Amino acid sequence: MKYTSVGIFSNDSELEIIVYLELLCEEIRVAPGLSFELFIEDIPDALPITIIYLADGLQIYPHRNTPEWLIEFNGKTIKPGYPTVLAEHQ
């Protein structure tokens, strides 16, 4: 499978944030000071993504279809689940 980077997401706040990846309900818990790169499966109609800002984080939707997501954190490629706690991968 091929994947396309959709951006680098950083938590510059003092509280943990949650990044929800839809439509498969994956969740990434991002502690203060951590960041990751998000990749979307390169399938038809997956892009552009929509990002909704929430009080405790972000909700990210593909345009259409149900692509797989991957994240890169600390040099590791991780398939996100429910939940994925980045601090556990340091």
N, C-alpha and C. Protein backbone atom coordinates (compact mmCIF):
# COMPACT_ATOMS: atom_id res chain seq x y z
N MET A 1 0.83 -1.18 0.00
CA MET A 1 0.00 0.00 0.00
C MET A 1 0.88 1.24 0.00
N LYS A 2 0.38 2.29 -0.64
CA LYS A 2 1.07 3.56 -0.65
C LYS A 2 0.33 4.54 0.25
N TYR A 3 1.09 5.43 0.87
CA TYR A 3 0.53 6.42 1.79
C TYR A 3 1.06 7.80 1.43
N THR A 4 0.26 8.82 1.75
CA THR A 4 0.61 10.20 1.50
C THR A 4 0.60 10.96 2.83
N SER A 5 1.62 11.77 3.06
CA SER A 5 1.67 12.59 4.27
C SER A 5 0.62 13.70 4.18
N VAL A 6 -0.11 13.88 5.28
CA VAL A 6 -1.09 14.98 5.32
C VAL A 6 -0.67 16.07 6.30
N GLY A 7 0.43 15.86 7.01
CA GLY A 7 0.91 16.92 7.88
C GLY A 7 1.58 16.41 9.14
N ILE A 8 2.19 17.35 9.83
CA ILE A 8 2.80 17.09 11.14
C ILE A 8 1.94 17.78 12.17
N PHE A 9 1.56 17.04 13.19
CA PHE A 9 0.67 17.54 14.24
C PHE A 9 1.44 17.58 15.55
N SER A 10 1.45 18.74 16.19
CA SER A 10 2.21 18.96 17.42
C SER A 10 1.29 19.42 18.53
N ASN A 11 1.63 19.01 19.74
CA ASN A 11 0.89 19.49 20.91
C ASN A 11 1.78 20.48 21.65
N ASP A 12 1.52 21.75 21.45
CA ASP A 12 2.28 22.80 22.11
C ASP A 12 1.56 23.35 23.33
N SER A 13 0.52 22.64 23.76
CA SER A 13 -0.23 23.10 24.93
C SER A 13 0.32 22.45 26.21
N GLU A 14 -0.32 22.70 27.32
CA GLU A 14 0.09 22.12 28.59
C GLU A 14 -0.73 20.88 28.96
N LEU A 15 -1.71 20.54 28.12
CA LEU A 15 -2.59 19.39 28.38
C LEU A 15 -2.51 18.39 27.25
N GLU A 16 -2.81 17.13 27.54
CA GLU A 16 -2.88 16.12 26.51
C GLU A 16 -3.99 16.46 25.53
N ILE A 17 -3.75 16.23 24.24
CA ILE A 17 -4.80 16.37 23.25
C ILE A 17 -5.08 15.00 22.63
N ILE A 18 -6.24 14.88 22.02
CA ILE A 18 -6.61 13.64 21.35
C ILE A 18 -6.88 13.96 19.89
N VAL A 19 -6.29 13.17 19.00
CA VAL A 19 -6.53 13.29 17.57
C VAL A 19 -7.35 12.07 17.17
N TYR A 20 -8.57 12.33 16.72
CA TYR A 20 -9.48 11.26 16.31
C TYR A 20 -9.37 11.11 14.80
N LEU A 21 -9.11 9.88 14.34
CA LEU A 21 -9.01 9.59 12.92
C LEU A 21 -10.25 8.83 12.49
N GLU A 22 -11.00 9.41 11.61
CA GLU A 22 -12.26 8.82 11.16
C GLU A 22 -12.07 8.14 9.80
N LEU A 23 -12.77 7.26 9.47
CA LEU A 23 -14.04 6.75 9.92
C LEU A 23 -13.87 5.49 10.76
N LEU A 24 -12.66 5.09 11.03
CA LEU A 24 -12.41 3.84 11.76
C LEU A 24 -12.27 4.04 13.27
N CYS A 25 -12.52 5.26 13.74
CA CYS A 25 -12.52 5.59 15.18
C CYS A 25 -11.18 5.34 15.86
N GLU A 26 -10.09 5.58 15.15
CA GLU A 26 -8.77 5.48 15.77
C GLU A 26 -8.51 6.76 16.55
N GLU A 27 -7.69 6.63 17.58
CA GLU A 27 -7.48 7.74 18.50
C GLU A 27 -6.00 7.82 18.85
N ILE A 28 -5.43 9.02 18.74
CA ILE A 28 -4.03 9.23 19.11
C ILE A 28 -3.99 10.21 20.26
N ARG A 29 -3.42 9.79 21.38
CA ARG A 29 -3.29 10.65 22.56
C ARG A 29 -1.89 11.26 22.53
N VAL A 30 -1.86 12.59 22.47
CA VAL A 30 -0.61 13.32 22.28
C VAL A 30 -0.31 14.15 23.53
N ALA A 31 0.70 13.75 24.27
CA ALA A 31 1.11 14.47 25.48
C ALA A 31 1.75 15.81 25.09
N PRO A 32 1.78 16.76 26.01
CA PRO A 32 2.42 18.04 25.73
C PRO A 32 3.86 17.85 25.24
N GLY A 33 4.23 18.63 24.23
CA GLY A 33 5.58 18.59 23.70
C GLY A 33 5.83 17.52 22.64
N LEU A 34 4.87 16.65 22.38
CA LEU A 34 5.06 15.59 21.38
C LEU A 34 4.44 15.98 20.05
N SER A 35 4.95 15.38 18.98
CA SER A 35 4.39 15.60 17.65
C SER A 35 4.56 14.33 16.83
N PHE A 36 3.77 14.23 15.77
CA PHE A 36 3.83 13.06 14.88
C PHE A 36 3.46 13.48 13.47
N GLU A 37 3.86 12.68 12.50
CA GLU A 37 3.46 12.90 11.12
C GLU A 37 2.35 11.93 10.79
N LEU A 38 1.31 12.41 10.15
CA LEU A 38 0.15 11.60 9.81
C LEU A 38 0.15 11.28 8.32
N PHE A 39 -0.12 10.02 8.00
CA PHE A 39 -0.18 9.55 6.62
C PHE A 39 -1.54 8.93 6.36
N ILE A 40 -2.06 9.13 5.14
CA ILE A 40 -3.33 8.56 4.73
C ILE A 40 -3.06 7.61 3.56
N GLU A 41 -3.80 6.51 3.53
CA GLU A 41 -3.67 5.56 2.44
C GLU A 41 -3.99 6.25 1.12
N ASP A 42 -3.17 6.00 0.14
CA ASP A 42 -3.32 6.63 -1.17
C ASP A 42 -4.35 5.86 -1.99
N ILE A 43 -5.63 6.18 -1.74
CA ILE A 43 -6.73 5.56 -2.47
C ILE A 43 -7.59 6.67 -3.07
N PRO A 44 -8.39 6.34 -4.09
CA PRO A 44 -9.22 7.38 -4.72
C PRO A 44 -10.14 8.09 -3.72
N ASP A 45 -10.25 9.38 -3.86
CA ASP A 45 -11.17 10.23 -3.11
C ASP A 45 -10.88 10.34 -1.61
N ALA A 46 -9.71 9.93 -1.16
CA ALA A 46 -9.38 10.07 0.26
C ALA A 46 -9.05 11.52 0.61
N LEU A 47 -8.44 12.24 -0.32
CA LEU A 47 -8.06 13.63 -0.10
C LEU A 47 -9.02 14.54 -0.82
N PRO A 48 -9.21 15.76 -0.34
CA PRO A 48 -8.56 16.39 0.80
C PRO A 48 -9.20 15.96 2.12
N ILE A 49 -8.44 16.10 3.19
CA ILE A 49 -8.97 15.78 4.52
C ILE A 49 -9.70 17.00 5.08
N THR A 50 -10.54 16.75 6.07
CA THR A 50 -11.21 17.81 6.82
C THR A 50 -10.76 17.70 8.26
N ILE A 51 -10.37 18.82 8.84
CA ILE A 51 -9.94 18.85 10.25
C ILE A 51 -10.93 19.70 11.03
N ILE A 52 -11.50 19.10 12.06
CA ILE A 52 -12.42 19.81 12.95
C ILE A 52 -11.70 20.01 14.28
N TYR A 53 -11.68 21.25 14.73
CA TYR A 53 -11.01 21.59 15.98
C TYR A 53 -12.00 21.40 17.14
N LEU A 54 -11.56 20.66 18.15
CA LEU A 54 -12.36 20.38 19.34
C LEU A 54 -11.70 20.99 20.56
N ALA A 55 -12.40 21.06 21.66
CA ALA A 55 -11.83 21.61 22.89
C ALA A 55 -10.63 20.80 23.36
N ASP A 56 -10.65 19.48 23.12
CA ASP A 56 -9.57 18.62 23.62
C ASP A 56 -8.70 18.05 22.52
N GLY A 57 -8.83 18.55 21.27
CA GLY A 57 -7.98 18.03 20.20
C GLY A 57 -8.54 18.27 18.82
N LEU A 58 -8.39 17.26 17.95
CA LEU A 58 -8.78 17.37 16.55
C LEU A 58 -9.55 16.13 16.12
N GLN A 59 -10.43 16.30 15.16
CA GLN A 59 -11.11 15.19 14.52
C GLN A 59 -10.79 15.31 13.03
N ILE A 60 -10.23 14.24 12.43
CA ILE A 60 -9.77 14.29 11.05
C ILE A 60 -10.56 13.28 10.22
N TYR A 61 -11.14 13.78 9.13
CA TYR A 61 -11.96 12.96 8.23
C TYR A 61 -11.33 12.92 6.85
N PRO A 62 -11.40 11.77 6.17
CA PRO A 62 -11.05 11.75 4.76
C PRO A 62 -12.18 12.39 3.96
N HIS A 63 -11.90 12.74 2.71
CA HIS A 63 -12.93 13.34 1.86
C HIS A 63 -14.05 12.34 1.60
N ARG A 64 -13.70 11.18 1.09
CA ARG A 64 -14.63 10.08 0.84
C ARG A 64 -13.86 8.79 1.03
N ASN A 65 -14.58 7.69 1.09
CA ASN A 65 -13.96 6.38 1.22
C ASN A 65 -13.51 6.16 2.67
N THR A 66 -12.89 5.03 2.95
CA THR A 66 -12.42 4.71 4.29
C THR A 66 -10.96 4.25 4.21
N PRO A 67 -10.03 5.19 4.16
CA PRO A 67 -8.62 4.84 4.04
C PRO A 67 -8.05 4.38 5.39
N GLU A 68 -6.91 3.70 5.29
CA GLU A 68 -6.14 3.40 6.50
C GLU A 68 -5.25 4.59 6.79
N TRP A 69 -4.92 4.73 8.07
CA TRP A 69 -4.03 5.79 8.53
C TRP A 69 -2.76 5.17 9.09
N LEU A 70 -1.65 5.88 9.01
CA LEU A 70 -0.41 5.52 9.67
C LEU A 70 0.15 6.79 10.30
N ILE A 71 0.94 6.61 11.36
CA ILE A 71 1.65 7.74 11.93
C ILE A 71 3.12 7.39 12.03
N GLU A 72 3.95 8.41 11.98
CA GLU A 72 5.37 8.24 12.20
C GLU A 72 5.73 9.05 13.44
N PHE A 73 6.34 8.36 14.40
CA PHE A 73 6.69 8.99 15.67
C PHE A 73 8.00 8.41 16.15
N ASN A 74 8.95 9.28 16.46
CA ASN A 74 10.28 8.86 16.93
C ASN A 74 10.92 7.82 16.02
N GLY A 75 10.77 8.01 14.71
CA GLY A 75 11.38 7.11 13.74
C GLY A 75 10.65 5.79 13.55
N LYS A 76 9.51 5.61 14.21
CA LYS A 76 8.72 4.39 14.09
C LYS A 76 7.47 4.66 13.28
N THR A 77 7.08 3.69 12.45
CA THR A 77 5.80 3.75 11.75
C THR A 77 4.81 2.93 12.55
N ILE A 78 3.69 3.55 12.92
CA ILE A 78 2.71 2.94 13.82
C ILE A 78 1.34 2.96 13.16
N LYS A 79 0.65 1.83 13.20
CA LYS A 79 -0.75 1.76 12.78
C LYS A 79 -1.58 2.18 13.99
N PRO A 80 -2.29 3.31 13.93
CA PRO A 80 -3.04 3.75 15.10
C PRO A 80 -4.21 2.83 15.42
N GLY A 81 -4.55 2.78 16.68
CA GLY A 81 -5.68 1.99 17.16
C GLY A 81 -6.53 2.81 18.10
N TYR A 82 -7.18 2.13 19.01
CA TYR A 82 -8.04 2.81 19.98
C TYR A 82 -7.68 2.35 21.38
N PRO A 83 -6.96 3.11 22.13
CA PRO A 83 -6.24 4.33 21.75
C PRO A 83 -4.78 4.01 21.42
N THR A 84 -4.12 4.97 20.80
CA THR A 84 -2.67 4.94 20.60
C THR A 84 -2.11 6.06 21.47
N VAL A 85 -1.31 5.71 22.45
CA VAL A 85 -0.73 6.69 23.36
C VAL A 85 0.72 6.91 22.93
N LEU A 86 1.01 8.09 22.38
CA LEU A 86 2.36 8.33 21.86
C LEU A 86 3.44 8.17 22.91
N ALA A 87 3.17 8.58 24.14
CA ALA A 87 4.18 8.49 25.20
C ALA A 87 4.64 7.05 25.43
N GLU A 88 3.82 6.07 25.08
CA GLU A 88 4.20 4.67 25.24
C GLU A 88 5.17 4.22 24.15
N HIS A 89 5.39 5.04 23.13
CA HIS A 89 6.27 4.69 22.01
C HIS A 89 7.56 5.49 22.01
N GLN A 90 7.87 6.13 23.14
CA GLN A 90 9.11 6.92 23.22
C GLN A 90 10.29 6.02 23.46
